[in-house]
Amino acid sequence: MAGPVIITGGGTGGHVFPMQAIAEALREQGLAPSELRFVGSRRGQERQLLNGSDVALTLLPGRGLKRSWRVGDLGRNVAASSSLLVAVLRAMVLVRRWRPSVVVSVGGYAAFAVSLAARCWGTPLVLVELDATPGAAQRMFARYAAKRCCAFPSPGENVVVTGAPLREAIERIDRSGEARGLAKRTATPPIERERVVVTVMSGSLGSGRVNEAVSELALRWAARGDRAILHVTGQRDYDKVRSRAPSSEGLDYRVFAFADMVELWAMSDVAVCRAGATTVAELTALSIPSVLVPLPGAPGDHQAKNADVLVRAGGAVEVRDDQCTGAALDENLARVIEPHTWRAMSLGAGTLARRGAARAIAEVIVELRAGP
């Protein structure tokens, strides 16, 4: 009997949601929950986002390394290296004990230890490369991977361009004008159909810069009865942003620490987001025009490169992080919301859509699992 499939990665929702999507697709291929295992990091969001799953979850120690020579960061990196060593030793034991048929890595610091253990024990490794520029762990193991399932075209004989895996609930969203109107009417409380809904989501941890700029934007739009802002802040900035919300009968401004993005994307007309791989994949799959604010200093500057792909396709405009203010968002959103521009950007975003990516990745895994 073939061993289980280990799906490893994490640290942020941008890794965890693809893990969920791949597991869903493998279930559709006939694998039972007992034939799957999630392995993530104790310090990431895996415990919060995956604990309700019927797939077993194992959490390893570890944290990301800071690319800095400052004294404080050096101390942090020493501690991180020690945690990583413990994680590698534990992963070596677990992979040997479980004898998986395939290890699937979606990246992030949580995936390094299990990918290394797969390499050492000769287990087939599938890399799911979500960004235009893969992270360090993915690049390190690329030459050893049985297959690399890439969101963007990439050189290599073992590459399959699948797109980024999305949860089935995301791919099922109806984005027709009639469906968006119905989603607005059935929201709690309802949103008037004529309001333009701007959804703000700056990553699972939130962004102080983006949150501050959107707070400024809400004050600028306080009297506007034709706008709604659905602002997902992350837990850290939630109280601060909520306390600054304008009290007005004009703007419909709703602040959430976390939210069900299936519900929010269903009623969204425009998005303001960071440019993580999963976010970009959702925007393109759903043809949502966007203002992207890439995270500066992201490894390999991958968020700027993700954003550039969408901007060149005509589906987004980019605002640099150091230029992200309420005024800048107001100016750019005014252009995006203009009906002719909105339609053109929606079509542009949709040209990059790759639906069924999770199923395509699952097929690669099942084929490897079956053996030669």
Protein backbone atom coordinates (compact mmCIF):
# COMPACT_ATOMS: atom_id res chain seq x y z
CA MET A 1 0.00 0.00 0.00
CA ALA A 2 1.34 3.44 -0.94
CA GLY A 3 2.40 5.69 1.92
CA PRO A 4 0.65 8.97 2.76
CA VAL A 5 1.12 12.26 0.94
CA ILE A 6 2.74 14.94 3.09
CA ILE A 7 1.74 18.51 2.22
CA THR A 8 4.15 20.92 3.88
CA GLY A 9 4.62 24.67 4.03
CA GLY A 10 3.24 27.62 5.84
CA GLY A 11 4.00 30.59 7.95
CA THR A 12 1.23 32.71 6.38
CA GLY A 13 -2.22 32.21 4.90
CA GLY A 14 -0.63 32.57 1.47
CA HIS A 15 0.91 29.14 2.01
CA VAL A 16 -1.81 27.52 4.11
CA PHE A 17 -4.68 28.12 1.68
CA PRO A 18 -2.83 26.39 -1.21
CA MET A 19 -2.16 23.47 1.15
CA GLN A 20 -5.89 23.24 1.79
CA ALA A 21 -6.66 23.47 -1.93
CA ILE A 22 -4.26 20.64 -2.81
CA ALA A 23 -5.68 18.44 -0.04
CA GLU A 24 -9.23 19.10 -1.33
CA ALA A 25 -8.17 18.11 -4.85
CA LEU A 26 -6.45 14.94 -3.62
CA ARG A 27 -9.63 14.01 -1.76
CA GLU A 28 -11.50 14.36 -5.05
CA GLN A 29 -8.94 11.98 -6.58
CA GLY A 30 -10.00 9.36 -4.02
CA LEU A 31 -7.44 9.75 -1.23
CA ALA A 32 -8.83 9.38 2.28
CA PRO A 33 -7.95 11.87 5.05
CA SER A 34 -5.76 9.17 6.64
CA GLU A 35 -3.66 9.15 3.45
CA LEU A 36 -2.80 12.86 3.82
CA ARG A 37 -0.74 14.79 6.36
CA PHE A 38 -0.16 18.49 6.84
CA VAL A 39 3.19 19.61 8.26
CA GLY A 40 3.66 23.26 9.12
CA SER A 41 5.24 25.63 11.61
CA ARG A 42 4.33 26.31 15.23
CA ARG A 43 4.84 30.03 14.67
CA GLY A 44 2.69 30.32 11.56
CA GLN A 45 -1.08 30.41 11.06
CA GLU A 46 -1.38 26.68 10.42
CA ARG A 47 -2.75 25.90 13.89
CA GLN A 48 -5.49 28.49 13.46
CA LEU A 49 -6.38 27.70 9.84
CA LEU A 50 -5.88 23.92 9.63
CA ASN A 51 -6.87 22.66 13.08
CA GLY A 52 -10.49 22.03 12.05
CA SER A 53 -9.45 19.78 9.17
CA ASP A 54 -9.84 16.00 9.26
CA VAL A 55 -6.28 15.74 7.91
CA ALA A 56 -3.67 15.23 10.64
CA LEU A 57 -1.56 18.33 11.35
CA THR A 58 2.02 18.24 12.69
CA LEU A 59 3.75 21.49 13.67
CA LEU A 60 7.54 21.87 13.71
CA PRO A 61 9.62 24.55 15.44
CA GLY A 62 11.18 27.25 13.34
CA ARG A 63 10.94 30.80 12.09
CA GLY A 64 12.15 32.70 9.04
CA LEU A 65 15.63 34.22 8.87
CA LYS A 66 16.05 38.00 8.71
CA ARG A 67 18.21 39.14 5.79
CA SER A 68 20.05 41.69 7.92
CA TRP A 69 23.39 42.16 9.71
CA ARG A 70 21.99 44.30 12.53
CA VAL A 71 22.90 43.07 16.00
CA GLY A 72 19.32 42.36 17.03
CA ASP A 73 18.63 40.46 13.82
CA LEU A 74 21.83 38.42 14.18
CA GLY A 75 20.65 37.23 17.59
CA ARG A 76 17.27 36.35 16.16
CA ASN A 77 18.90 34.45 13.30
CA VAL A 78 21.01 32.39 15.72
CA ALA A 79 17.81 31.37 17.53
CA ALA A 80 16.07 30.70 14.22
CA SER A 81 18.95 28.50 13.05
CA SER A 82 18.78 26.47 16.25
CA SER A 83 15.04 25.98 15.81
CA LEU A 84 15.57 25.00 12.19
CA LEU A 85 18.08 22.33 13.21
CA VAL A 86 15.55 20.84 15.64
CA ALA A 87 12.90 20.94 12.91
CA VAL A 88 15.19 19.13 10.46
CA LEU A 89 16.00 16.39 12.98
CA ARG A 90 12.32 15.91 13.78
CA ALA A 91 11.37 15.91 10.10
CA MET A 92 14.00 13.25 9.40
CA VAL A 93 12.43 11.02 12.06
CA LEU A 94 8.85 11.66 10.93
CA VAL A 95 9.50 11.08 7.22
CA ARG A 96 11.34 7.86 8.03
CA ARG A 97 8.46 6.71 10.26
CA TRP A 98 5.61 7.68 7.93
CA ARG A 99 7.34 6.52 4.71
CA PRO A 100 5.33 8.92 2.51
CA SER A 101 4.80 8.16 -1.15
CA VAL A 102 5.20 11.85 -2.06
CA VAL A 103 6.15 15.06 -0.23
CA VAL A 104 4.52 18.24 -1.57
CA SER A 105 6.11 21.57 -0.62
CA VAL A 106 4.27 24.87 -1.14
CA GLY A 107 7.22 26.86 0.23
CA GLY A 108 7.83 29.06 3.22
CA TYR A 109 10.30 28.39 6.01
CA ALA A 110 8.11 25.60 7.38
CA ALA A 111 8.71 23.50 4.25
CA PHE A 112 12.51 23.42 4.32
CA ALA A 113 12.94 20.71 6.95
CA VAL A 114 10.48 18.27 5.37
CA SER A 115 11.84 18.88 1.86
CA LEU A 116 15.35 18.13 3.11
CA ALA A 117 14.13 14.94 4.81
CA ALA A 118 12.43 13.87 1.57
CA ARG A 119 15.67 14.41 -0.30
CA CYS A 120 17.68 12.43 2.26
CA TRP A 121 15.26 9.48 2.34
CA GLY A 122 14.71 9.38 -1.43
CA THR A 123 11.03 10.34 -1.31
CA PRO A 124 9.64 11.95 -4.49
CA LEU A 125 9.35 15.70 -3.94
CA VAL A 126 6.82 17.95 -5.67
CA LEU A 127 7.45 21.68 -5.41
CA VAL A 128 4.47 24.01 -5.81
CA GLU A 129 6.00 27.33 -6.85
CA LEU A 130 3.46 30.06 -6.26
CA ASP A 131 5.42 33.22 -7.02
CA ALA A 132 6.98 34.68 -10.15
CA THR A 133 10.29 34.31 -8.28
CA PRO A 134 10.38 31.15 -6.10
CA GLY A 135 11.52 31.42 -2.49
CA ALA A 136 14.93 30.28 -1.26
CA ALA A 137 13.76 26.85 -0.06
CA GLN A 138 12.05 26.12 -3.38
CA ARG A 139 15.11 27.20 -5.38
CA MET A 140 17.37 25.06 -3.21
CA PHE A 141 15.45 21.87 -3.96
CA ALA A 142 14.40 22.62 -7.56
CA ARG A 143 17.03 20.38 -9.17
CA TYR A 144 16.06 17.44 -6.94
CA ALA A 145 12.28 17.71 -7.37
CA ALA A 146 10.44 15.02 -9.28
CA LYS A 147 8.09 17.76 -10.51
CA ARG A 148 7.79 21.52 -10.13
CA CYS A 149 4.20 22.74 -10.42
CA CYS A 150 4.57 26.43 -11.24
CA ALA A 151 2.10 29.29 -11.20
CA PHE A 152 4.15 31.07 -13.87
CA PRO A 153 6.20 29.69 -16.78
CA SER A 154 9.66 28.65 -15.59
CA PRO A 155 12.64 26.90 -17.24
CA GLY A 156 13.36 23.27 -16.42
CA GLU A 157 12.56 19.78 -17.68
CA ASN A 158 10.60 18.88 -14.56
CA VAL A 159 8.26 21.91 -14.79
CA VAL A 160 4.49 21.71 -15.18
CA VAL A 161 2.76 25.10 -15.46
CA THR A 162 -0.42 24.61 -13.45
CA GLY A 163 -1.21 28.02 -12.00
CA ALA A 164 -1.58 28.60 -8.25
CA PRO A 165 -3.96 26.23 -6.43
CA LEU A 166 -7.15 27.83 -5.13
CA ARG A 167 -9.79 26.45 -2.81
CA GLU A 168 -12.84 25.11 -4.64
CA ALA A 169 -15.06 27.59 -2.78
CA ILE A 170 -13.08 30.46 -4.33
CA GLU A 171 -13.24 29.05 -7.85
CA ARG A 172 -17.01 28.54 -7.56
CA ILE A 173 -17.76 32.24 -6.90
CA ASP A 174 -20.15 33.70 -9.47
CA ARG A 175 -18.79 37.12 -10.48
CA SER A 176 -21.59 38.16 -12.82
CA GLY A 177 -23.13 41.57 -12.21
CA GLU A 178 -26.38 39.96 -11.10
CA ALA A 179 -24.57 37.68 -8.64
CA ARG A 180 -22.54 40.57 -7.20
CA GLY A 181 -25.74 42.53 -6.69
CA LEU A 182 -27.36 39.60 -4.91
CA ALA A 183 -24.29 39.15 -2.68
CA LYS A 184 -24.49 42.82 -1.70
CA ARG A 185 -28.19 42.57 -0.88
CA THR A 186 -27.74 39.45 1.23
CA ALA A 187 -24.75 40.77 3.20
CA THR A 188 -25.24 41.44 6.90
CA PRO A 189 -26.27 44.23 6.97
CA PRO A 190 -27.13 44.62 3.27
CA ILE A 191 -25.09 46.87 0.96
CA GLU A 192 -26.97 48.98 -1.57
CA ARG A 193 -26.46 47.61 -5.07
CA GLU A 194 -25.36 50.97 -6.49
CA ARG A 195 -22.41 51.28 -4.09
CA VAL A 196 -18.99 50.42 -5.49
CA VAL A 197 -17.50 47.87 -3.08
CA VAL A 198 -13.76 48.15 -2.46
CA THR A 199 -12.29 45.19 -0.59
CA VAL A 200 -8.98 45.69 1.21
CA MET A 201 -6.94 42.64 2.15
CA SER A 202 -3.22 43.09 2.78
CA GLY A 203 -2.26 39.51 3.67
CA SER A 204 -3.18 37.20 6.53
CA LEU A 205 -1.03 39.21 8.96
CA GLY A 206 -2.16 42.61 7.70
CA SER A 207 -0.05 45.61 6.69
CA GLY A 208 0.37 48.68 8.87
CA ARG A 209 1.13 50.85 5.84
CA VAL A 210 -1.92 49.74 3.85
CA ASN A 211 -4.19 49.89 6.90
CA GLU A 212 -3.08 53.44 7.65
CA ALA A 213 -3.66 54.53 4.05
CA VAL A 214 -7.14 52.98 3.96
CA SER A 215 -8.04 54.70 7.24
CA GLU A 216 -7.10 57.98 5.54
CA LEU A 217 -9.13 57.00 2.47
CA ALA A 218 -12.18 56.28 4.63
CA LEU A 219 -11.98 59.79 6.08
CA ARG A 220 -11.73 61.26 2.57
CA TRP A 221 -14.77 59.24 1.47
CA ALA A 222 -16.77 59.76 4.69
CA ALA A 223 -19.62 61.62 2.96
CA ARG A 224 -19.82 59.34 -0.08
CA GLY A 225 -23.06 57.40 -0.34
CA ASP A 226 -21.89 55.57 -3.46
CA ARG A 227 -18.93 53.74 -1.89
CA ALA A 228 -18.40 50.84 0.50
CA ILE A 229 -15.07 49.68 1.94
CA LEU A 230 -14.68 46.16 3.34
CA HIS A 231 -11.41 46.44 5.25
CA VAL A 232 -9.69 43.27 6.49
CA THR A 233 -6.95 44.57 8.79
CA GLY A 234 -5.44 41.49 10.45
CA GLN A 235 -5.56 41.18 14.24
CA ARG A 236 -2.67 43.52 15.02
CA ASP A 237 -4.19 46.73 13.63
CA TYR A 238 -7.87 45.93 14.08
CA ASP A 239 -8.57 48.01 17.22
CA LYS A 240 -6.58 50.99 15.93
CA VAL A 241 -8.31 51.04 12.55
CA ARG A 242 -11.75 50.51 14.05
CA SER A 243 -11.24 53.41 16.48
CA ARG A 244 -10.45 55.74 13.55
CA ALA A 245 -13.47 54.78 11.44
CA PRO A 246 -15.46 57.87 10.42
CA SER A 247 -18.93 58.25 11.86
CA SER A 248 -21.00 59.25 8.88
CA GLU A 249 -24.22 58.43 7.09
CA GLY A 250 -22.37 58.41 3.77
CA LEU A 251 -19.62 55.82 3.40
CA ASP A 252 -20.43 52.19 4.28
CA TYR A 253 -17.18 51.26 6.03
CA ARG A 254 -16.80 47.80 7.58
CA VAL A 255 -13.70 46.71 9.48
CA PHE A 256 -12.80 43.05 10.11
CA ALA A 257 -9.81 41.48 11.82
CA PHE A 258 -10.36 38.38 9.66
CA ALA A 259 -13.07 37.59 7.14
CA ASP A 260 -14.38 34.89 4.86
CA MET A 261 -12.85 35.94 1.54
CA VAL A 262 -15.36 33.79 -0.33
CA GLU A 263 -18.11 36.08 0.95
CA LEU A 264 -16.14 39.29 0.39
CA TRP A 265 -14.88 38.48 -3.11
CA ALA A 266 -18.46 37.60 -4.14
CA MET A 267 -19.56 41.22 -3.64
CA SER A 268 -16.32 43.06 -4.49
CA ASP A 269 -16.01 45.41 -7.44
CA VAL A 270 -12.39 46.47 -6.82
CA ALA A 271 -9.59 45.27 -4.52
CA VAL A 272 -6.70 46.92 -2.70
CA CYS A 273 -4.16 44.23 -1.81
CA ARG A 274 -0.59 43.18 -1.30
CA ALA A 275 0.72 41.05 -4.18
CA GLY A 276 1.18 37.64 -2.60
CA ALA A 277 0.85 34.71 -4.97
CA THR A 278 -2.46 33.42 -3.65
CA THR A 279 -4.00 36.90 -3.67
CA VAL A 280 -2.90 37.48 -7.28
CA ALA A 281 -4.24 34.05 -8.26
CA GLU A 282 -7.62 34.83 -6.68
CA LEU A 283 -7.83 38.25 -8.34
CA THR A 284 -7.09 36.78 -11.77
CA ALA A 285 -9.38 33.76 -11.35
CA LEU A 286 -12.23 36.09 -10.38
CA SER A 287 -11.33 38.92 -12.82
CA ILE A 288 -11.25 41.55 -10.05
CA PRO A 289 -9.53 44.86 -10.99
CA SER A 290 -7.08 45.86 -8.28
CA VAL A 291 -4.68 48.37 -6.81
CA LEU A 292 -1.64 46.37 -5.68
CA VAL A 293 0.82 47.52 -3.02
CA PRO A 294 3.68 44.97 -3.11
CA LEU A 295 5.43 44.19 0.16
CA PRO A 296 8.87 45.84 0.02
CA GLY A 297 11.82 43.63 0.86
CA ALA A 298 9.95 40.38 0.18
CA PRO A 299 12.43 37.56 -0.59
CA GLY A 300 13.57 37.85 -4.19
CA ASP A 301 11.28 40.90 -4.46
CA HIS A 302 8.66 38.34 -5.48
CA GLN A 303 5.65 40.50 -4.66
CA ALA A 304 6.81 43.28 -7.00
CA LYS A 305 7.32 40.69 -9.73
CA ASN A 306 3.90 39.14 -9.09
CA ALA A 307 2.34 42.60 -9.33
CA ASP A 308 4.25 43.38 -12.52
CA VAL A 309 2.75 40.33 -14.25
CA LEU A 310 -0.78 41.54 -13.45
CA VAL A 311 -0.04 45.18 -14.29
CA ARG A 312 1.39 44.20 -17.70
CA ALA A 313 -1.78 42.18 -18.38
CA GLY A 314 -3.83 45.31 -17.71
CA GLY A 315 -5.57 43.89 -14.66
CA ALA A 316 -4.04 46.06 -11.93
CA VAL A 317 -2.32 49.32 -11.12
CA GLU A 318 0.60 49.40 -8.72
CA VAL A 319 1.28 51.79 -5.85
CA ARG A 320 4.67 51.55 -4.17
CA ASP A 321 4.58 50.93 -0.42
CA ASP A 322 6.39 54.16 0.41
CA GLN A 323 3.87 56.08 -1.72
CA CYS A 324 0.77 54.34 -0.33
CA THR A 325 -1.38 57.07 1.22
CA GLY A 326 -5.08 57.79 1.35
CA ALA A 327 -4.62 60.37 -1.41
CA ALA A 328 -2.76 57.90 -3.65
CA LEU A 329 -5.43 55.25 -3.18
CA ASP A 330 -8.18 57.79 -3.85
CA GLU A 331 -6.53 58.90 -7.10
CA ASN A 332 -5.89 55.36 -8.38
CA LEU A 333 -9.28 53.97 -7.36
CA ALA A 334 -11.03 56.87 -9.10
CA ARG A 335 -9.40 55.70 -12.36
CA VAL A 336 -10.07 52.00 -11.79
CA ILE A 337 -13.73 52.52 -10.88
CA GLU A 338 -14.46 54.45 -14.11
CA PRO A 339 -16.73 51.98 -16.01
CA HIS A 340 -14.71 51.68 -19.23
CA THR A 341 -11.45 51.21 -17.30
CA TRP A 342 -13.08 48.74 -14.90
CA ARG A 343 -14.30 46.55 -17.76
CA ALA A 344 -10.92 46.61 -19.49
CA MET A 345 -9.07 45.75 -16.26
CA SER A 346 -11.48 42.96 -15.43
CA LEU A 347 -10.80 41.41 -18.85
CA GLY A 348 -7.05 41.94 -18.38
CA ALA A 349 -7.01 40.20 -15.01
CA GLY A 350 -9.03 37.32 -16.42
CA THR A 351 -6.48 36.64 -19.17
CA LEU A 352 -4.11 35.31 -16.47
CA ALA A 353 -6.66 33.02 -14.83
CA ARG A 354 -5.71 29.35 -14.51
CA ARG A 355 -8.68 27.57 -13.03
CA GLY A 356 -8.30 23.96 -11.96
CA ALA A 357 -4.69 24.39 -10.79
CA ALA A 358 -5.27 22.33 -7.63
CA ARG A 359 -6.71 19.48 -9.72
CA ALA A 360 -3.74 19.64 -12.10
CA ILE A 361 -1.32 19.46 -9.16
CA ALA A 362 -3.26 16.58 -7.62
CA GLU A 363 -3.00 14.66 -10.89
CA VAL A 364 0.79 15.08 -10.85
CA ILE A 365 0.93 13.81 -7.27
CA VAL A 366 -1.32 10.82 -7.93
CA GLU A 367 0.75 9.84 -10.96
CA LEU A 368 3.97 9.95 -8.92
CA ARG A 369 2.30 8.04 -6.12
CA ALA A 370 1.34 5.25 -8.50
CA GLY A 371 4.99 4.80 -9.42
CA PRO A 372 6.57 3.83 -12.76
